[in-house]
Each structure stands twice: as C-alpha cells, then as structure tokens.
PDB file of N, CA and C in Angstrom:
ATOM      1  N   MET A   1     219.265 122.408  78.118  1.00  0.00           N
ATOM      2  CA  MET A   1     220.020 123.625  78.253  1.00  0.00           C
ATOM      3  C   MET A   1     221.525 123.359  78.200  1.00  0.00           C
ATOM      4  N   ASN A   2     221.945 122.198  78.621  1.00  0.00           N
ATOM      5  CA  ASN A   2     223.361 121.896  78.680  1.00  0.00           C
ATOM      6  C   ASN A   2     223.733 120.901  77.587  1.00  0.00           C
ATOM      7  N   SER A   3     223.007 120.889  76.505  1.00  0.00           N
ATOM      8  CA  SER A   3     223.230 119.911  75.456  1.00  0.00           C
ATOM      9  C   SER A   3     223.719 120.597  74.186  1.00  0.00           C
ATOM     10  N   TRP A   4     224.894 120.197  73.738  1.00  0.00           N
ATOM     11  CA  TRP A   4     225.420 120.782  72.519  1.00  0.00           C
ATOM     12  C   TRP A   4     224.796 120.104  71.300  1.00  0.00           C
ATOM     13  N   ALA A   5     224.282 118.901  71.469  1.00  0.00           N
ATOM     14  CA  ALA A   5     223.720 118.177  70.331  1.00  0.00           C
ATOM     15  C   ALA A   5     222.463 118.855  69.795  1.00  0.00           C
ATOM     16  N   ASP A   6     221.683 119.477  70.664  1.00  0.00           N
ATOM     17  CA  ASP A   6     220.491 120.189  70.195  1.00  0.00           C
ATOM     18  C   ASP A   6     220.878 121.329  69.258  1.00  0.00           C
ATOM     19  N   SER A   7     221.937 122.057  69.595  1.00  0.00           N
ATOM     20  CA  SER A   7     222.410 123.124  68.706  1.00  0.00           C
ATOM     21  C   SER A   7     222.920 122.569  67.395  1.00  0.00           C
ATOM     22  N   LEU A   8     223.557 121.422  67.455  1.00  0.00           N
ATOM     23  CA  LEU A   8     224.073 120.794  66.242  1.00  0.00           C
ATOM     24  C   LEU A   8     222.948 120.398  65.299  1.00  0.00           C
ATOM     25  N   ILE A   9     221.862 119.879  65.855  1.00  0.00           N
ATOM     26  CA  ILE A   9     220.772 119.360  65.032  1.00  0.00           C
ATOM     27  C   ILE A   9     219.792 120.444  64.599  1.00  0.00           C
ATOM     28  N   TYR A  10     219.380 121.302  65.532  1.00  0.00           N
ATOM     29  CA  TYR A  10     218.238 122.177  65.281  1.00  0.00           C
ATOM     30  C   TYR A  10     218.577 123.618  64.922  1.00  0.00           C
ATOM     31  N   VAL A  11     219.719 124.131  65.330  1.00  0.00           N
ATOM     32  CA  VAL A  11     220.005 125.557  65.176  1.00  0.00           C
ATOM     33  C   VAL A  11     220.986 125.762  64.029  1.00  0.00           C
ATOM     34  N   SER A  12     220.584 126.575  63.061  1.00  0.00           N
ATOM     35  CA  SER A  12     221.466 126.863  61.928  1.00  0.00           C
ATOM     36  C   SER A  12     222.088 128.258  62.023  1.00  0.00           C
ATOM     37  N   ASN A  13     221.499 129.137  62.821  1.00  0.00           N
ATOM     38  CA  ASN A  13     222.012 130.491  62.994  1.00  0.00           C
ATOM     39  C   ASN A  13     223.130 130.472  64.043  1.00  0.00           C
ATOM     40  N   SER A  14     224.323 130.909  63.672  1.00  0.00           N
ATOM     41  CA  SER A  14     225.463 130.854  64.592  1.00  0.00           C
ATOM     42  C   SER A  14     225.300 131.796  65.790  1.00  0.00           C
ATOM     43  N   ARG A  15     224.449 132.791  65.692  1.00  0.00           N
ATOM     44  CA  ARG A  15     224.217 133.697  66.822  1.00  0.00           C
ATOM     45  C   ARG A  15     223.408 133.018  67.931  1.00  0.00           C
ATOM     46  N   LEU A  16     222.728 131.922  67.611  1.00  0.00           N
ATOM     47  CA  LEU A  16     221.877 131.240  68.573  1.00  0.00           C
ATOM     48  C   LEU A  16     222.486 129.959  69.141  1.00  0.00           C
ATOM     49  N   TRP A  17     223.736 129.648  68.762  1.00  0.00           N
ATOM     50  CA  TRP A  17     224.387 128.442  69.267  1.00  0.00           C
ATOM     51  C   TRP A  17     224.605 128.539  70.766  1.00  0.00           C
ATOM     52  N   SER A  18     224.527 127.398  71.440  1.00  0.00           N
ATOM     53  CA  SER A  18     224.774 127.368  72.883  1.00  0.00           C
ATOM     54  C   SER A  18     226.276 127.468  73.155  1.00  0.00           C
ATOM     55  N   PHE A  19     226.584 127.865  74.371  1.00  0.00           N
ATOM     56  CA  PHE A  19     227.986 128.020  74.771  1.00  0.00           C
ATOM     57  C   PHE A  19     228.739 126.692  74.674  1.00  0.00           C
ATOM     58  N   GLN A  20     228.090 125.600  75.050  1.00  0.00           N
ATOM     59  CA  GLN A  20     228.725 124.291  74.995  1.00  0.00           C
ATOM     60  C   GLN A  20     229.045 123.893  73.555  1.00  0.00           C
ATOM     61  N   PHE A  21     228.161 124.244  72.635  1.00  0.00           N
ATOM     62  CA  PHE A  21     228.395 123.923  71.227  1.00  0.00           C
ATOM     63  C   PHE A  21     229.578 124.717  70.678  1.00  0.00           C
ATOM     64  N   ILE A  22     229.687 125.961  71.064  1.00  0.00           N
ATOM     65  CA  ILE A  22     230.811 126.790  70.621  1.00  0.00           C
ATOM     66  C   ILE A  22     232.124 126.236  71.163  1.00  0.00           C
ATOM     67  N   LEU A  23     232.143 125.849  72.439  1.00  0.00           N
ATOM     68  CA  LEU A  23     233.354 125.264  73.021  1.00  0.00           C
ATOM     69  C   LEU A  23     233.715 123.952  72.343  1.00  0.00           C
ATOM     70  N   ARG A  24     232.718 123.139  72.007  1.00  0.00           N
ATOM     71  CA  ARG A  24     232.974 121.879  71.314  1.00  0.00           C
ATOM     72  C   ARG A  24     233.583 122.144  69.942  1.00  0.00           C
ATOM     73  N   ASN A  25     233.053 123.117  69.226  1.00  0.00           N
ATOM     74  CA  ASN A  25     233.603 123.449  67.914  1.00  0.00           C
ATOM     75  C   ASN A  25     235.037 123.949  68.014  1.00  0.00           C
ATOM     76  N   MET A  26     235.303 124.761  69.032  1.00  0.00           N
ATOM     77  CA  MET A  26     236.673 125.251  69.213  1.00  0.00           C
ATOM     78  C   MET A  26     237.634 124.095  69.477  1.00  0.00           C
ATOM     79  N   LEU A  27     237.239 123.184  70.325  1.00  0.00           N
ATOM     80  CA  LEU A  27     238.081 122.039  70.637  1.00  0.00           C
ATOM     81  C   LEU A  27     238.280 121.147  69.427  1.00  0.00           C
ATOM     82  N   GLN A  28     237.219 120.894  68.686  1.00  0.00           N
ATOM     83  CA  GLN A  28     237.310 120.052  67.506  1.00  0.00           C
ATOM     84  C   GLN A  28     238.198 120.698  66.441  1.00  0.00           C
ATOM     85  N   THR A  29     238.053 121.989  66.246  1.00  0.00           N
ATOM     86  CA  THR A  29     238.869 122.697  65.265  1.00  0.00           C
ATOM     87  C   THR A  29     240.342 122.672  65.658  1.00  0.00           C
ATOM     88  N   MET A  30     240.616 122.886  66.935  1.00  0.00           N
ATOM     89  CA  MET A  30     241.994 122.879  67.405  1.00  0.00           C
ATOM     90  C   MET A  30     242.611 121.496  67.246  1.00  0.00           C
ATOM     91  N   THR A  31     241.858 120.448  67.534  1.00  0.00           N
ATOM     92  CA  THR A  31     242.369 119.082  67.411  1.00  0.00           C
ATOM     93  C   THR A  31     242.616 118.721  65.956  1.00  0.00           C
ATOM     94  N   VAL A  32     241.689 119.055  65.074  1.00  0.00           N
ATOM     95  CA  VAL A  32     241.844 118.750  63.652  1.00  0.00           C
ATOM     96  C   VAL A  32     243.023 119.521  63.071  1.00  0.00           C
ATOM     97  N   ASN A  33     243.157 120.798  63.423  1.00  0.00           N
ATOM     98  CA  ASN A  33     244.285 121.589  62.920  1.00  0.00           C
ATOM     99  C   ASN A  33     245.610 121.016  63.396  1.00  0.00           C
ATOM    100  N   THR A  34     245.652 120.555  64.623  1.00  0.00           N
ATOM    101  CA  THR A  34     246.892 120.005  65.157  1.00  0.00           C
ATOM    102  C   THR A  34     247.258 118.713  64.448  1.00  0.00           C
ATOM    103  N   LEU A  35     246.269 117.877  64.165  1.00  0.00           N
ATOM    104  CA  LEU A  35     246.559 116.569  63.583  1.00  0.00           C
ATOM    105  C   LEU A  35     246.878 116.626  62.091  1.00  0.00           C
ATOM    106  N   PHE A  36     246.144 117.440  61.336  1.00  0.00           N
ATOM    107  CA  PHE A  36     246.253 117.370  59.885  1.00  0.00           C
ATOM    108  C   PHE A  36     247.063 118.496  59.243  1.00  0.00           C
ATOM    109  N   ASN A  37     247.225 119.606  59.903  1.00  0.00           N
ATOM    110  CA  ASN A  37     247.891 120.749  59.277  1.00  0.00           C
ATOM    111  C   ASN A  37     249.230 121.066  59.922  1.00  0.00           C
ATOM    112  N   GLN A  38     249.919 120.075  60.419  1.00  0.00           N
ATOM    113  CA  GLN A  38     251.172 120.341  61.100  1.00  0.00           C
ATOM    114  C   GLN A  38     252.242 120.874  60.153  1.00  0.00           C
ATOM    115  N   GLN A  39     252.238 120.432  58.919  1.00  0.00           N
ATOM    116  CA  GLN A  39     253.247 120.908  57.975  1.00  0.00           C
ATOM    117  C   GLN A  39     252.954 122.325  57.489  1.00  0.00           C
ATOM    118  N   ALA A  40     251.684 122.721  57.459  1.00  0.00           N
ATOM    119  CA  ALA A  40     251.307 124.015  56.913  1.00  0.00           C
ATOM    120  C   ALA A  40     251.457 125.161  57.909  1.00  0.00           C
ATOM    121  N   MET A  41     251.658 124.855  59.190  1.00  0.00           N
ATOM    122  CA  MET A  41     251.726 125.902  60.210  1.00  0.00           C
ATOM    123  C   MET A  41     253.144 126.442  60.345  1.00  0.00           C
ATOM    124  N   ASP A  42     253.223 127.698  60.757  1.00  0.00           N
ATOM    125  CA  ASP A  42     254.537 128.261  61.025  1.00  0.00           C
ATOM    126  C   ASP A  42     255.067 127.705  62.353  1.00  0.00           C
ATOM    127  N   PRO A  43     256.366 127.776  62.582  1.00  0.00           N
ATOM    128  CA  PRO A  43     256.957 127.159  63.774  1.00  0.00           C
ATOM    129  C   PRO A  43     256.443 127.725  65.098  1.00  0.00           C
ATOM    130  N   SER A  44     256.139 129.009  65.148  1.00  0.00           N
ATOM    131  CA  SER A  44     255.669 129.570  66.418  1.00  0.00           C
ATOM    132  C   SER A  44     254.281 129.031  66.781  1.00  0.00           C
ATOM    133  N   THR A  45     253.413 128.881  65.786  1.00  0.00           N
ATOM    134  CA  THR A  45     252.092 128.315  66.038  1.00  0.00           C
ATOM    135  C   THR A  45     252.206 126.847  66.427  1.00  0.00           C
ATOM    136  N   MET A  46     253.084 126.110  65.766  1.00  0.00           N
ATOM    137  CA  MET A  46     253.281 124.702  66.109  1.00  0.00           C
ATOM    138  C   MET A  46     253.807 124.558  67.523  1.00  0.00           C
ATOM    139  N   ASP A  47     254.700 125.449  67.926  1.00  0.00           N
ATOM    140  CA  ASP A  47     255.245 125.392  69.282  1.00  0.00           C
ATOM    141  C   ASP A  47     254.139 125.632  70.306  1.00  0.00           C
ATOM    142  N   LEU A  48     253.279 126.586  70.029  1.00  0.00           N
ATOM    143  CA  LEU A  48     252.167 126.883  70.933  1.00  0.00           C
ATOM    144  C   LEU A  48     251.193 125.707  71.007  1.00  0.00           C
ATOM    145  N   LEU A  49     250.861 125.113  69.868  1.00  0.00           N
ATOM    146  CA  LEU A  49     249.930 123.990  69.849  1.00  0.00           C
ATOM    147  C   LEU A  49     250.528 122.726  70.447  1.00  0.00           C
ATOM    148  N   SER A  50     251.839 122.566  70.353  1.00  0.00           N
ATOM    149  CA  SER A  50     252.452 121.379  70.935  1.00  0.00           C
ATOM    150  C   SER A  50     252.401 121.428  72.457  1.00  0.00           C
ATOM    151  N   ARG A  51     252.343 122.615  73.038  1.00  0.00           N
ATOM    152  CA  ARG A  51     252.235 122.737  74.491  1.00  0.00           C
ATOM    153  C   ARG A  51     250.822 122.493  74.986  1.00  0.00           C
ATOM    154  N   ALA A  52     249.821 122.732  74.152  1.00  0.00           N
ATOM    155  CA  ALA A  52     248.426 122.577  74.556  1.00  0.00           C
ATOM    156  C   ALA A  52     247.875 121.270  73.987  1.00  0.00           C
ATOM    157  N   SER A  53     247.742 120.284  74.833  1.00  0.00           N
ATOM    158  CA  SER A  53     247.181 119.010  74.398  1.00  0.00           C
ATOM    159  C   SER A  53     245.655 119.110  74.349  1.00  0.00           C
ATOM    160  N   PRO A  54     244.999 118.207  73.653  1.00  0.00           N
ATOM    161  CA  PRO A  54     243.530 118.236  73.639  1.00  0.00           C
ATOM    162  C   PRO A  54     242.924 118.111  75.037  1.00  0.00           C
ATOM    163  N   GLU A  55     243.589 117.363  75.915  1.00  0.00           N
ATOM    164  CA  GLU A  55     243.078 117.234  77.279  1.00  0.00           C
ATOM    165  C   GLU A  55     243.132 118.561  78.018  1.00  0.00           C
ATOM    166  N   SER A  56     244.201 119.303  77.846  1.00  0.00           N
ATOM    167  CA  SER A  56     244.291 120.604  78.513  1.00  0.00           C
ATOM    168  C   SER A  56     243.280 121.593  77.939  1.00  0.00           C
ATOM    169  N   LEU A  57     242.997 121.486  76.643  1.00  0.00           N
ATOM    170  CA  LEU A  57     241.965 122.330  76.048  1.00  0.00           C
ATOM    171  C   LEU A  57     240.585 121.977  76.595  1.00  0.00           C
ATOM    172  N   LYS A  58     240.333 120.684  76.807  1.00  0.00           N
ATOM    173  CA  LYS A  58     239.058 120.266  77.402  1.00  0.00           C
ATOM    174  C   LYS A  58     238.914 120.824  78.813  1.00  0.00           C
ATOM    175  N   MET A  59     239.979 120.748  79.582  1.00  0.00           N
ATOM    176  CA  MET A  59     239.912 121.250  80.957  1.00  0.00           C
ATOM    177  C   MET A  59     239.742 122.770  80.984  1.00  0.00           C
ATOM    178  N   ALA A  60     240.365 123.466  80.045  1.00  0.00           N
ATOM    179  CA  ALA A  60     240.179 124.912  79.960  1.00  0.00           C
ATOM    180  C   ALA A  60     238.734 125.249  79.599  1.00  0.00           C
ATOM    181  N   ALA A  61     238.128 124.452  78.725  1.00  0.00           N
ATOM    182  CA  ALA A  61     236.725 124.667  78.371  1.00  0.00           C
ATOM    183  C   ALA A  61     235.819 124.433  79.572  1.00  0.00           C
ATOM    184  N   VAL A  62     236.148 123.450  80.401  1.00  0.00           N
ATOM    185  CA  VAL A  62     235.357 123.190  81.606  1.00  0.00           C
ATOM    186  C   VAL A  62     235.442 124.376  82.567  1.00  0.00           C
ATOM    187  N   VAL A  63     236.627 124.912  82.732  1.00  0.00           N
ATOM    188  CA  VAL A  63     236.803 126.063  83.630  1.00  0.00           C
ATOM    189  C   VAL A  63     236.041 127.270  83.089  1.00  0.00           C
ATOM    190  N   ILE A  64     236.141 127.509  81.798  1.00  0.00           N
ATOM    191  CA  ILE A  64     235.437 128.646  81.199  1.00  0.00           C
ATOM    192  C   ILE A  64     233.926 128.492  81.345  1.00  0.00           C
ATOM    193  N   GLY A  65     233.432 127.266  81.201  1.00  0.00           N
ATOM    194  CA  GLY A  65     232.004 127.032  81.351  1.00  0.00           C
ATOM    195  C   GLY A  65     231.525 127.096  82.791  1.00  0.00           C
ATOM    196  N   THR A  66     232.423 126.885  83.759  1.00  0.00           N
ATOM    197  CA  THR A  66     232.054 126.868  85.175  1.00  0.00           C
ATOM    198  C   THR A  66     232.106 128.251  85.810  1.00  0.00           C
ATOM    199  N   ILE A  67     232.911 129.138  85.294  1.00  0.00           N
ATOM    200  CA  ILE A  67     233.082 130.461  85.900  1.00  0.00           C
ATOM    201  C   ILE A  67     231.765 131.232  86.041  1.00  0.00           C
ATOM    202  N   PRO A  68     230.896 131.287  85.027  1.00  0.00           N
ATOM    203  CA  PRO A  68     229.625 132.009  85.232  1.00  0.00           C
ATOM    204  C   PRO A  68     228.764 131.401  86.337  1.00  0.00           C
ATOM    205  N   ILE A  69     228.769 130.084  86.448  1.00  0.00           N
ATOM    206  CA  ILE A  69     227.998 129.436  87.506  1.00  0.00           C
ATOM    207  C   ILE A  69     228.551 129.819  88.873  1.00  0.00           C
ATOM    208  N   LEU A  70     229.869 129.810  89.002  1.00  0.00           N
ATOM    209  CA  LEU A  70     230.494 130.169  90.280  1.00  0.00           C
ATOM    210  C   LEU A  70     230.236 131.630  90.648  1.00  0.00           C
ATOM    211  N   CYS A  71     230.079 132.486  89.673  1.00  0.00           N
ATOM    212  CA  CYS A  71     229.821 133.899  89.954  1.00  0.00           C
ATOM    213  C   CYS A  71     228.365 134.146  90.355  1.00  0.00           C
ATOM    214  N   ILE A  72     227.437 133.400  89.802  1.00  0.00           N
ATOM    215  CA  ILE A  72     226.013 133.626  90.057  1.00  0.00           C
ATOM    216  C   ILE A  72     225.501 132.851  91.265  1.00  0.00           C
ATOM    217  N   TYR A  73     226.053 131.681  91.528  1.00  0.00           N
ATOM    218  CA  TYR A  73     225.517 130.809  92.576  1.00  0.00           C
ATOM    219  C   TYR A  73     225.450 131.450  93.959  1.00  0.00           C
ATOM    220  N   PRO A  74     226.453 132.200  94.432  1.00  0.00           N
ATOM    221  CA  PRO A  74     226.328 132.775  95.778  1.00  0.00           C
ATOM    222  C   PRO A  74     225.103 133.663  95.963  1.00  0.00           C
ATOM    223  N   PHE A  75     224.667 134.333  94.910  1.00  0.00           N
ATOM    224  CA  PHE A  75     223.493 135.194  95.007  1.00  0.00           C
ATOM    225  C   PHE A  75     222.181 134.394  94.994  1.00  0.00           C
ATOM    226  N   LEU A  76     222.211 133.203  94.429  1.00  0.00           N
ATOM    227  CA  LEU A  76     221.009 132.384  94.327  1.00  0.00           C
ATOM    228  C   LEU A  76     220.992 131.217  95.311  1.00  0.00           C
ATOM    229  N   GLN A  77     222.006 131.113  96.151  1.00  0.00           N
ATOM    230  CA  GLN A  77     222.133 129.970  97.045  1.00  0.00           C
ATOM    231  C   GLN A  77     220.956 129.841  98.001  1.00  0.00           C
ATOM    232  N   LYS A  78     220.431 130.938  98.498  1.00  0.00           N
ATOM    233  CA  LYS A  78     219.322 130.866  99.451  1.00  0.00           C
ATOM    234  C   LYS A  78     218.089 130.226  98.824  1.00  0.00           C
ATOM    235  N   TYR A  79     217.880 130.439  97.525  1.00  0.00           N
ATOM    236  CA  TYR A  79     216.733 129.838  96.850  1.00  0.00           C
ATOM    237  C   TYR A  79     216.928 128.330  96.669  1.00  0.00           C
ATOM    238  N   PHE A  80     218.169 127.911  96.392  1.00  0.00           N
ATOM    239  CA  PHE A  80     218.442 126.488  96.257  1.00  0.00           C
ATOM    240  C   PHE A  80     218.260 125.764  97.587  1.00  0.00           C
ATOM    241  N   THR A  81     218.788 126.326  98.664  1.00  0.00           N
ATOM    242  CA  THR A  81     218.661 125.681  99.961  1.00  0.00           C
ATOM    243  C   THR A  81     217.206 125.650 100.405  1.00  0.00           C
ATOM    244  N   LYS A  82     216.465 126.701 100.142  1.00  0.00           N
ATOM    245  CA  LYS A  82     215.041 126.747 100.492  1.00  0.00           C
ATOM    246  C   LYS A  82     214.277 125.661  99.727  1.00  0.00           C
ATOM    247  N   GLY A  83     214.569 125.513  98.469  1.00  0.00           N
ATOM    248  CA  GLY A  83     213.911 124.486  97.672  1.00  0.00           C
ATOM    249  C   GLY A  83     214.254 123.079  98.132  1.00  0.00           C
ATOM    250  N   VAL A  84     215.495 122.865  98.524  1.00  0.00           N
ATOM    251  CA  VAL A  84     215.904 121.548  99.015  1.00  0.00           C
ATOM    252  C   VAL A  84     215.198 121.241 100.334  1.00  0.00           C
ATOM    253  N   LEU A  85     215.112 122.219 101.232  1.00  0.00           N
ATOM    254  CA  LEU A  85     214.452 122.002 102.516  1.00  0.00           C
ATOM    255  C   LEU A  85     212.960 121.740 102.341  1.00  0.00           C
ATOM    256  N   ILE A  86     212.315 122.477 101.475  1.00  0.00           N
ATOM    257  CA  ILE A  86     210.875 122.285 101.248  1.00  0.00           C
ATOM    258  C   ILE A  86     210.629 120.904 100.624  1.00  0.00           C
ATOM    259  N   GLY A  87     211.493 120.506  99.719  1.00  0.00           N
ATOM    260  CA  GLY A  87     211.341 119.205  99.075  1.00  0.00           C
ATOM    261  C   GLY A  87     211.627 118.037  99.984  1.00  0.00           C
ATOM    262  N   SER A  88     212.387 118.254 101.060  1.00  0.00           N
ATOM    263  CA  SER A  88     212.747 117.155 101.942  1.00  0.00           C
ATOM    264  C   SER A  88     211.746 116.926 103.064  1.00  0.00           C
ATOM    265  N   ILE A  89     210.840 117.872 103.299  1.00  0.00           N
ATOM    266  CA  ILE A  89     209.853 117.745 104.379  1.00  0.00           C
ATOM    267  C   ILE A  89     208.719 116.858 103.891  1.00  0.00           C
ATOM    268  N   LYS A  90     208.459 115.800 104.670  1.00  0.00           N
ATOM    269  CA  LYS A  90     207.378 114.879 104.300  1.00  0.00           C
ATOM    270  C   LYS A  90     206.155 115.221 105.118  1.00  0.00           C
ATOM    271  N   GLY A  91     205.020 115.237 104.479  1.00  0.00           N
ATOM    272  CA  GLY A  91     203.807 115.655 105.161  1.00  0.00           C
ATOM    273  C   GLY A  91     202.793 114.613 105.379  1.00  0.00           C
TER     274      GLY A  91
END
C-alpha cells in the first residue's frame, strides 16, 4: 500500500496511481526541470525554484502524505490500542 514501485511496474492508468507515486513523479520532474532547463525558464520561475531545494520538496511531500493519517488516526485510535492490548496478552 505504501509502495510507489508497484505503481511504476504494474499500473499504466494514471487515475489508479498511488499517492506516493504521484509525489515521487512531482519531485523527479521538479528536480529534472531545475537541473536541465535552467536557461529555458523565465527569471521569476527560476527565482521560485532556486528557493525550493529538492530536500525541501521531499519534506513537503512527507508533510502532505502525513496529513491524512493525522486527521484519521484520532478516530481510529481506540481500535489500535485495543489490538495492541489483545496482542500483548499471553495465554
């Protein structure tokens, strides 16, 4: 479920790509554009891209991927704790 490589290998329909695969493509596209097309870009775009390093784009992707988990987890926390307690009891 958390593997972008499966989408790369098995899925050809872009509507079915996983979220991680889409974020990876965005990061790869941004990095390639920054490295190879610096002369072709207008100055305002270059200024914007020079402020955003690939590392900051990676961290932004991590935050974007974590937000849905942080929103859903409080509602499902009781099920996780119940499962952990049941799994820890030895009989």
